[in-house]
Amino acid sequence: MDMRSAPGTIAPTPEPGEAELKEEDMAEPVIAQKSPIPVEVEAGKTYYWCTCGKSAKQPLCDGSHKGSDFAPMAWTAPETKTAYLCACKHTKNAPLCDGSHKAL
């Protein structure tokens, strides 16, 4: 159990030189578009989904994340089909679209 979230507990003090990560310090991805991108995928092939939103090859990575806190996500297609990959970068089912873009 995370003691920071338990009711009635006090969060531990960070060690000297250890900054506590705050929500406003976390990098936010660029919203490439507010709809999924259909991609023809092949069973067993690995694809590298862009997590930063800056790739010119959306929804796949082109290396635009370099120098940031982002890294591409490797995903191996379980079957040959049209996969609808997230372009808003807010899905909870990465790399597949879960409709999160509707709330942005």
Foldseek 3Di string as FASTA:
>chain_A
DPQVPDPPGDDDDDDVPDDDDDPVNDDDAAQLDLFWDKDFAAAFDKFWAFQRLPAPPPRGDPPPCPPHPDDTDIDGDRHGDIFGAHRGNPAPPPRGDPNPSVVD
